[in-house]
Amino acid sequence: MSTKLSNAVSIHPYFNIREGNLEAFTALMPDFVEKTSAEPGCLYYDFTMNGNTAFCREAYIGAEGLLAHIANVTELLGKFLELSDLARLEVHGPAEEIEKLRAPLADLKPDFFVRVTGLLNPHG
């Protein structure tokens, strides 16, 4: 398994968009994508929607990649949180990377999930 993927960390934020804010919220999504596109530690990044719930599907190379992303989008995230509530936040990854994230992400109160097993598909 490549080192890059063996220490991958994903973050899973779910936003409940408040009444009347759907258009303004979705209008900010391209700004997030544009800012994130310049991050060398980003493995993938996209948004999905279910009614008034938005989900950002994203992963980074290690804890450092994730923390760099958060620093990069802090201002935009503040705008999102003016329009929505953070309903749930999960962080998934290997134990050594999760440990690096516990203190810096403590204020966001994420649920941390430690990788137990898996594979890197050589065909994908």
Protein backbone atom coordinates (compact mmCIF):
# COMPACT_ATOMS: atom_id res chain seq x y z
CA MET A 1 0.00 0.00 0.00
CA SER A 2 1.35 3.42 -0.84
CA THR A 3 2.37 5.57 2.11
CA LYS A 4 0.12 8.34 0.78
CA LEU A 5 -2.99 6.19 1.06
CA SER A 6 -1.97 4.20 4.12
CA ASN A 7 -2.16 7.35 6.26
CA ALA A 8 -5.24 8.85 4.55
CA VAL A 9 -7.69 10.63 6.82
CA SER A 10 -11.27 11.41 5.86
CA ILE A 11 -13.58 13.92 7.46
CA HIS A 12 -17.36 13.68 7.20
CA PRO A 13 -19.30 16.87 8.01
CA TYR A 14 -23.10 16.91 7.72
CA PHE A 15 -24.79 20.32 7.58
CA ASN A 16 -28.50 20.91 8.21
CA ILE A 17 -29.28 23.99 6.14
CA ARG A 18 -31.66 26.35 7.89
CA GLU A 19 -34.98 27.34 6.32
CA GLY A 20 -34.55 29.85 3.50
CA ASN A 21 -30.78 29.40 3.20
CA LEU A 22 -30.50 26.59 0.66
CA GLU A 23 -29.66 28.82 -2.32
CA ALA A 24 -27.04 30.84 -0.41
CA PHE A 25 -25.50 27.69 1.03
CA THR A 26 -25.17 25.88 -2.29
CA ALA A 27 -23.79 29.06 -3.90
CA LEU A 28 -20.78 28.80 -1.54
CA MET A 29 -19.94 25.22 -2.54
CA PRO A 30 -17.93 26.14 -5.67
CA ASP A 31 -15.82 28.51 -3.53
CA PHE A 32 -14.90 25.60 -1.24
CA VAL A 33 -14.03 23.43 -4.24
CA GLU A 34 -11.88 26.16 -5.78
CA LYS A 35 -9.91 26.79 -2.56
CA THR A 36 -9.48 23.07 -1.92
CA SER A 37 -8.31 22.35 -5.48
CA ALA A 38 -4.95 24.02 -4.72
CA GLU A 39 -4.24 21.82 -1.66
CA PRO A 40 -1.55 19.21 -2.38
CA GLY A 41 -2.76 17.04 0.51
CA CYS A 42 -6.31 16.61 -0.79
CA LEU A 43 -7.17 13.15 -2.15
CA TYR A 44 -10.81 13.91 -3.03
CA TYR A 45 -13.42 16.53 -2.24
CA ASP A 46 -17.07 16.86 -3.23
CA PHE A 47 -20.51 17.75 -1.94
CA THR A 48 -23.66 15.67 -1.92
CA MET A 49 -27.17 16.71 -0.91
CA ASN A 50 -30.28 15.08 0.52
CA GLY A 51 -33.02 17.70 0.82
CA ASN A 52 -31.74 20.39 3.20
CA THR A 53 -28.83 18.25 4.38
CA ALA A 54 -25.43 18.74 2.76
CA PHE A 55 -22.50 16.39 3.12
CA CYS A 56 -18.90 17.08 2.17
CA ARG A 57 -17.08 13.91 1.08
CA GLU A 58 -13.37 14.56 1.54
CA ALA A 59 -10.05 12.89 2.36
CA TYR A 60 -6.48 14.07 2.90
CA ILE A 61 -2.95 12.75 3.13
CA GLY A 62 -2.49 12.37 6.87
CA ALA A 63 -3.47 14.64 9.72
CA GLU A 64 -1.31 17.41 8.29
CA GLY A 65 -3.31 17.43 5.03
CA LEU A 66 -6.58 17.69 6.93
CA LEU A 67 -5.34 20.45 9.23
CA ALA A 68 -4.00 22.41 6.24
CA HIS A 69 -7.42 22.14 4.62
CA ILE A 70 -9.24 23.41 7.70
CA ALA A 71 -6.87 26.37 7.91
CA ASN A 72 -7.47 27.07 4.21
CA VAL A 73 -11.30 27.09 4.42
CA THR A 74 -11.89 28.52 7.92
CA GLU A 75 -13.39 31.77 6.61
CA LEU A 76 -15.73 29.93 4.22
CA LEU A 77 -16.71 27.47 6.93
CA GLY A 78 -17.80 30.40 9.08
CA LYS A 79 -20.13 31.48 6.28
CA PHE A 80 -21.55 27.95 6.01
CA LEU A 81 -22.26 27.94 9.75
CA GLU A 82 -24.17 31.23 9.46
CA LEU A 83 -26.57 29.38 7.13
CA SER A 84 -26.61 25.90 8.67
CA ASP A 85 -25.95 23.78 11.73
CA LEU A 86 -23.19 21.20 11.87
CA ALA A 87 -25.35 18.15 12.55
CA ARG A 88 -22.59 15.54 12.71
CA LEU A 89 -18.85 15.38 12.22
CA GLU A 90 -16.80 12.21 11.85
CA VAL A 91 -13.08 11.77 11.30
CA HIS A 92 -11.79 8.41 10.02
CA GLY A 93 -8.22 7.19 9.72
CA PRO A 94 -5.32 5.22 11.16
CA ALA A 95 -4.74 5.51 14.92
CA GLU A 96 -1.50 7.47 14.63
CA GLU A 97 -3.13 10.11 12.41
CA ILE A 98 -6.29 10.31 14.56
CA GLU A 99 -4.16 10.98 17.64
CA LYS A 100 -2.64 14.02 15.89
CA LEU A 101 -6.16 15.39 15.30
CA ARG A 102 -7.80 14.95 18.71
CA ALA A 103 -6.52 18.18 20.27
CA PRO A 104 -6.74 20.48 17.20
CA LEU A 105 -10.31 19.35 16.41
CA ALA A 106 -11.58 19.11 20.00
CA ASP A 107 -13.75 22.25 19.73
CA LEU A 108 -15.66 20.69 16.80
CA LYS A 109 -16.46 17.60 18.91
CA PRO A 110 -16.07 15.04 16.12
CA ASP A 111 -16.62 11.31 16.47
CA PHE A 112 -13.26 9.68 15.76
CA PHE A 113 -13.18 6.33 13.96
CA VAL A 114 -9.90 4.38 13.95
CA ARG A 115 -9.18 2.19 10.94
CA VAL A 116 -9.11 -1.50 11.81
CA THR A 117 -8.55 -3.20 8.45
CA GLY A 118 -9.01 -2.66 4.73
CA LEU A 119 -7.31 -2.74 1.36
CA LEU A 120 -6.03 -0.54 -1.39
CA ASN A 121 -7.59 -1.83 -4.59
CA PRO A 122 -4.77 -2.34 -7.10
CA HIS A 123 -7.34 -2.37 -9.95
CA GLY A 124 -9.05 0.90 -9.06
